[in-house]
Protein backbone atom coordinates (compact mmCIF):
# COMPACT_ATOMS: atom_id res chain seq x y z
CA MET A 1 20.72 10.65 3.09
CA PRO A 2 21.62 14.16 1.82
CA ALA A 3 19.83 17.08 3.40
CA PHE A 4 18.86 20.62 2.48
CA VAL A 5 20.71 23.29 4.47
CA TYR A 6 18.73 26.38 5.44
CA ASN A 7 19.88 29.69 6.96
CA SER A 8 23.56 29.04 6.32
CA ASP A 9 26.32 31.17 4.86
CA SER A 10 26.70 30.73 1.13
CA VAL A 11 30.01 29.78 -0.38
CA VAL A 12 31.11 30.13 -3.97
CA ARG A 13 32.27 26.74 -5.14
CA LYS A 14 31.87 24.33 -8.00
CA MET A 15 28.39 22.84 -8.11
CA GLU A 16 28.29 19.09 -8.49
CA PHE A 17 25.14 17.20 -9.40
CA ASP A 18 24.82 13.49 -8.75
CA PRO A 19 21.65 12.41 -10.57
CA GLY A 20 21.69 9.01 -8.89
CA LEU A 21 21.27 10.21 -5.31
CA PHE A 22 19.03 13.20 -4.69
CA HIS A 23 16.18 14.36 -6.91
CA TYR A 24 13.97 17.41 -6.57
CA LEU A 25 10.19 16.94 -6.65
CA THR A 26 7.30 19.31 -7.16
CA ILE A 27 3.93 17.84 -6.32
CA VAL A 28 1.07 19.95 -7.67
CA LEU A 29 -2.42 19.62 -6.18
CA SER A 30 -5.02 21.22 -8.44
CA ASN A 31 -8.60 22.31 -7.80
CA CYS A 32 -8.40 21.88 -4.03
CA THR A 33 -10.78 22.66 -1.23
CA TYR A 34 -9.90 22.61 2.45
CA ASN A 35 -12.81 22.09 4.82
CA GLY A 36 -15.13 22.93 1.92
CA SER A 37 -13.50 26.22 0.96
CA VAL A 38 -10.90 27.33 -1.58
CA PHE A 39 -9.84 30.21 0.68
CA VAL A 40 -7.60 29.02 3.51
CA THR A 41 -7.23 31.48 6.39
CA ASP A 42 -4.87 29.26 8.40
CA MET A 43 -2.33 28.06 5.83
CA GLU A 44 0.17 27.13 8.55
CA SER A 45 -2.17 24.46 9.93
CA LEU A 46 -2.82 23.00 6.49
CA GLU A 47 0.93 22.96 5.77
CA ALA A 48 1.56 21.14 9.07
CA LEU A 49 -1.02 18.47 8.15
CA ILE A 50 0.51 18.02 4.68
CA HIS A 51 4.01 17.89 6.19
CA ALA A 52 2.96 15.19 8.68
CA GLU A 53 1.59 12.99 5.89
CA PHE A 54 4.58 13.40 3.57
CA GLU A 55 6.99 12.63 6.43
CA LYS A 56 5.66 9.06 6.26
CA ILE A 57 7.20 8.51 2.80
CA SER A 58 10.59 6.85 3.18
CA ASP A 59 13.59 8.59 1.58
CA LEU A 60 11.59 11.78 0.99
CA GLU A 61 12.60 15.11 2.51
CA PHE A 62 9.78 17.64 2.70
CA ARG A 63 10.77 21.23 1.84
CA GLY A 64 7.54 23.22 1.99
CA VAL A 65 4.14 24.14 0.57
CA GLY A 66 3.22 27.05 -1.67
CA CYS A 67 -0.34 28.02 -2.46
CA SER A 68 -2.26 30.03 -5.00
CA MET A 69 -5.77 31.17 -4.10
CA MET A 70 -7.59 32.79 -7.01
CA ARG A 71 -10.88 34.64 -6.89
CA GLY A 72 -12.60 35.44 -10.14
CA HIS A 73 -15.00 33.85 -12.57
CA VAL A 74 -14.11 30.52 -10.92
CA ASP A 75 -12.50 30.41 -7.47
CA SER A 76 -9.59 28.01 -7.13
CA LEU A 77 -6.93 26.75 -4.74
CA THR A 78 -3.73 25.18 -6.06
CA LEU A 79 -1.06 23.81 -3.74
CA GLY A 80 2.55 23.08 -4.67
CA ILE A 81 4.70 20.85 -2.50
CA ALA A 82 8.49 20.93 -2.82
CA ALA A 83 10.48 17.92 -1.67
CA GLY A 84 13.64 15.97 -2.28
CA TYR A 85 13.80 12.25 -2.93
CA TYR A 86 16.81 10.06 -2.20
CA SER A 87 17.53 7.11 -4.49
CA THR A 88 20.60 5.07 -5.29
CA GLU A 89 19.33 4.57 -8.85
CA THR A 90 20.46 6.93 -11.61
CA ASN A 91 17.41 6.01 -13.64
CA LEU A 92 14.29 4.98 -11.80
CA THR A 93 12.43 1.96 -13.04
CA GLU A 94 8.80 2.35 -13.96
CA SER A 95 7.71 0.48 -10.81
CA GLU A 96 9.82 2.79 -8.59
CA ALA A 97 8.28 5.89 -10.17
CA LEU A 98 4.78 4.47 -9.79
CA SER A 99 5.51 3.64 -6.16
CA LEU A 100 6.54 7.26 -5.50
CA ARG A 101 3.38 8.55 -7.21
CA SER A 102 1.26 6.12 -5.20
CA ALA A 103 2.89 7.21 -1.93
CA SER A 104 2.22 10.87 -2.83
CA ASN A 105 -1.44 10.09 -3.55
CA ASP A 106 -1.72 8.26 -0.21
CA ALA A 107 -0.16 11.23 1.62
CA VAL A 108 -2.60 13.67 0.01
CA SER A 109 -5.52 11.37 0.84
CA GLY A 110 -4.41 11.30 4.47
CA VAL A 111 -4.82 15.07 4.96
CA SER A 112 -8.08 15.55 6.83
CA GLY A 113 -10.43 18.06 5.19
CA LEU A 114 -8.43 18.35 1.96
CA SER A 115 -10.16 17.51 -1.31
CA VAL A 116 -8.09 17.47 -4.52
CA SER A 117 -9.15 16.78 -8.10
CA GLU A 118 -5.66 16.22 -9.59
CA VAL A 119 -2.23 15.27 -8.21
CA ARG A 120 0.82 15.70 -10.47
CA VAL A 121 4.28 14.58 -9.39
CA GLU A 122 6.94 16.42 -11.38
CA SER A 123 10.56 15.55 -10.84
CA THR A 124 14.11 15.39 -12.06
CA LEU A 125 13.79 11.62 -11.85
CA ARG A 126 14.50 9.85 -15.12
CA GLN A 127 12.48 6.72 -15.77
CA GLN A 128 13.78 3.82 -17.83
CA SER A 129 10.54 3.74 -19.80
CA THR A 130 11.13 7.26 -21.19
CA PHE A 131 14.31 6.56 -23.16
């Protein structure tokens, strides 16, 4: 399985993209609360819990979590999870895409204390049903 390389020297070279092997995912969790609050003082602990759950998804490489905490007329917490997904298929079938979405929902549900109203899985994956 391909891997992300962090903290390495960059090299100028031709970039090659193989759409049938490694796809980038952004998983957006909207209107969240963690332990009943939208303001998370220990984001590292929440990220570790999310990481542990997403590690359970086969062929998925977790990259990290970003968060947006907004205070205003309505307080809100939005989390964004970056990951990579390995597949030998150039175009995912509808059942494969649904399986990935289901696994993401299960991972989010497994995070203790996290409540989410919407989970969106955005990706570079192309589904057969879309063309």
